[in-house]
Amino acid sequence: MSNIYCSVNNCYYWKKDNVCDANQIMITSDDMGAFAPDSMDALDYNKFEETPVETCMETCCKSFVEKGSGDEKEDGIMRM
């Protein structure tokens, strides 16, 4: 069971009780998230520079994939 929680219920990885079911996630700064293409996520962790922030409000999850969008990435992350 995951110990990562997320309330974004239209994400592919969202499960009942606000559980994130992704095997890997990538969290970065909002600035880097806005700069990086949507195709960059957890498998690209080594391409992200260190991105210090001062508050949680300056962070974003790059692993988001909209549920049912048809845009699911072939990223090697298991989708069940």
C-alpha atoms as a PDB file:
ATOM      1  CA  MET A   1       0.000   0.000   0.000  1.00  0.00           C
ATOM      2  CA  SER A   2       1.186   3.478  -0.855  1.00  0.00           C
ATOM      3  CA  ASN A   3       1.945   6.047   1.806  1.00  0.00           C
ATOM      4  CA  ILE A   4       1.468   8.859  -0.676  1.00  0.00           C
ATOM      5  CA  TYR A   5      -1.837  10.679  -0.642  1.00  0.00           C
ATOM      6  CA  CYS A   6      -3.373  12.921  -3.270  1.00  0.00           C
ATOM      7  CA  SER A   7      -6.786  14.542  -3.541  1.00  0.00           C
ATOM      8  CA  VAL A   8      -6.674  15.068  -7.336  1.00  0.00           C
ATOM      9  CA  ASN A   9      -9.363  12.522  -8.169  1.00  0.00           C
ATOM     10  CA  ASN A  10      -9.187  13.000 -11.930  1.00  0.00           C
ATOM     11  CA  CYS A  11      -5.594  11.681 -11.979  1.00  0.00           C
ATOM     12  CA  TYR A  12      -5.018   8.224 -13.439  1.00  0.00           C
ATOM     13  CA  TYR A  13      -3.172   7.186 -10.266  1.00  0.00           C
ATOM     14  CA  TRP A  14      -5.826   8.401  -7.797  1.00  0.00           C
ATOM     15  CA  LYS A  15      -7.477   5.625  -5.836  1.00  0.00           C
ATOM     16  CA  LYS A  16     -10.177   5.480  -3.173  1.00  0.00           C
ATOM     17  CA  ASP A  17      -9.387   7.306   0.083  1.00  0.00           C
ATOM     18  CA  ASN A  18      -7.064   9.774  -1.714  1.00  0.00           C
ATOM     19  CA  VAL A  19      -4.291   7.223  -2.252  1.00  0.00           C
ATOM     20  CA  CYS A  20      -1.720   7.793  -5.007  1.00  0.00           C
ATOM     21  CA  ASP A  21      -1.181   4.464  -6.767  1.00  0.00           C
ATOM     22  CA  ALA A  22       1.823   5.485  -8.895  1.00  0.00           C
ATOM     23  CA  ASN A  23       4.939   3.358  -8.431  1.00  0.00           C
ATOM     24  CA  GLN A  24       7.042   6.495  -8.824  1.00  0.00           C
ATOM     25  CA  ILE A  25       6.299  10.195  -8.582  1.00  0.00           C
ATOM     26  CA  MET A  26       8.235  13.333  -9.444  1.00  0.00           C
ATOM     27  CA  ILE A  27       7.674  16.469  -7.419  1.00  0.00           C
ATOM     28  CA  THR A  28       9.438  19.671  -8.389  1.00  0.00           C
ATOM     29  CA  SER A  29       9.031  23.415  -8.093  1.00  0.00           C
ATOM     30  CA  ASP A  30       6.151  25.158  -9.843  1.00  0.00           C
ATOM     31  CA  ASP A  31       8.688  27.072 -11.927  1.00  0.00           C
ATOM     32  CA  MET A  32      10.360  23.891 -13.175  1.00  0.00           C
ATOM     33  CA  GLY A  33       6.978  22.212 -13.647  1.00  0.00           C
ATOM     34  CA  ALA A  34       5.833  25.076 -15.874  1.00  0.00           C
ATOM     35  CA  PHE A  35       9.076  24.917 -17.853  1.00  0.00           C
ATOM     36  CA  ALA A  36       9.331  21.130 -18.254  1.00  0.00           C
ATOM     37  CA  PRO A  37       7.203  19.471 -20.938  1.00  0.00           C
ATOM     38  CA  ASP A  38       4.298  17.263 -19.858  1.00  0.00           C
ATOM     39  CA  SER A  39       6.242  14.233 -21.053  1.00  0.00           C
ATOM     40  CA  MET A  40       8.829  14.698 -18.266  1.00  0.00           C
ATOM     41  CA  ASP A  41       7.907  12.823 -15.100  1.00  0.00           C
ATOM     42  CA  ALA A  42       9.323  10.337 -12.578  1.00  0.00           C
ATOM     43  CA  LEU A  43      11.437   8.375 -15.048  1.00  0.00           C
ATOM     44  CA  ASP A  44      13.219  11.610 -15.970  1.00  0.00           C
ATOM     45  CA  TYR A  45      14.241  12.393 -12.389  1.00  0.00           C
ATOM     46  CA  ASN A  46      17.909  12.788 -13.364  1.00  0.00           C
ATOM     47  CA  LYS A  47      17.071  15.481 -15.956  1.00  0.00           C
ATOM     48  CA  PHE A  48      15.575  17.782 -13.306  1.00  0.00           C
ATOM     49  CA  GLU A  49      17.838  20.272 -11.610  1.00  0.00           C
ATOM     50  CA  GLU A  50      17.556  20.766  -7.872  1.00  0.00           C
ATOM     51  CA  THR A  51      14.670  23.160  -7.302  1.00  0.00           C
ATOM     52  CA  PRO A  52      14.583  24.606  -3.788  1.00  0.00           C
ATOM     53  CA  VAL A  53      11.355  26.282  -2.693  1.00  0.00           C
ATOM     54  CA  GLU A  54      10.281  28.144   0.416  1.00  0.00           C
ATOM     55  CA  THR A  55       6.734  26.783   0.817  1.00  0.00           C
ATOM     56  CA  CYS A  56       4.648  23.791  -0.258  1.00  0.00           C
ATOM     57  CA  MET A  57       2.607  26.226  -2.373  1.00  0.00           C
ATOM     58  CA  GLU A  58       5.594  26.407  -4.747  1.00  0.00           C
ATOM     59  CA  THR A  59       5.617  22.679  -5.565  1.00  0.00           C
ATOM     60  CA  CYS A  60       3.880  20.507  -8.167  1.00  0.00           C
ATOM     61  CA  CYS A  61       3.546  16.825  -9.017  1.00  0.00           C
ATOM     62  CA  LYS A  62       4.844  15.974 -12.511  1.00  0.00           C
ATOM     63  CA  SER A  63       3.396  12.443 -12.419  1.00  0.00           C
ATOM     64  CA  PHE A  64      -0.186  13.604 -13.066  1.00  0.00           C
ATOM     65  CA  VAL A  65      -1.969  11.909 -15.972  1.00  0.00           C
ATOM     66  CA  GLU A  66      -5.622  12.812 -16.467  1.00  0.00           C
ATOM     67  CA  LYS A  67      -7.853   9.788 -16.019  1.00  0.00           C
ATOM     68  CA  GLY A  68      -9.472   8.726 -19.298  1.00  0.00           C
ATOM     69  CA  SER A  69      -7.595  11.325 -21.332  1.00  0.00           C
ATOM     70  CA  GLY A  70      -6.141   8.847 -23.796  1.00  0.00           C
ATOM     71  CA  ASP A  71      -2.807  10.608 -23.210  1.00  0.00           C
ATOM     72  CA  GLU A  72      -1.387   7.977 -20.881  1.00  0.00           C
ATOM     73  CA  LYS A  73       2.368   7.994 -21.351  1.00  0.00           C
ATOM     74  CA  GLU A  74       4.337   4.879 -22.188  1.00  0.00           C
ATOM     75  CA  ASP A  75       6.634   5.498 -19.266  1.00  0.00           C
ATOM     76  CA  GLY A  76       7.119   2.054 -17.803  1.00  0.00           C
ATOM     77  CA  ILE A  77       5.130   2.926 -14.678  1.00  0.00           C
ATOM     78  CA  MET A  78       2.646   0.156 -13.999  1.00  0.00           C
ATOM     79  CA  ARG A  79      -0.970   1.133 -14.524  1.00  0.00           C
ATOM     80  CA  MET A  80      -3.465  -1.335 -13.109  1.00  0.00           C
END
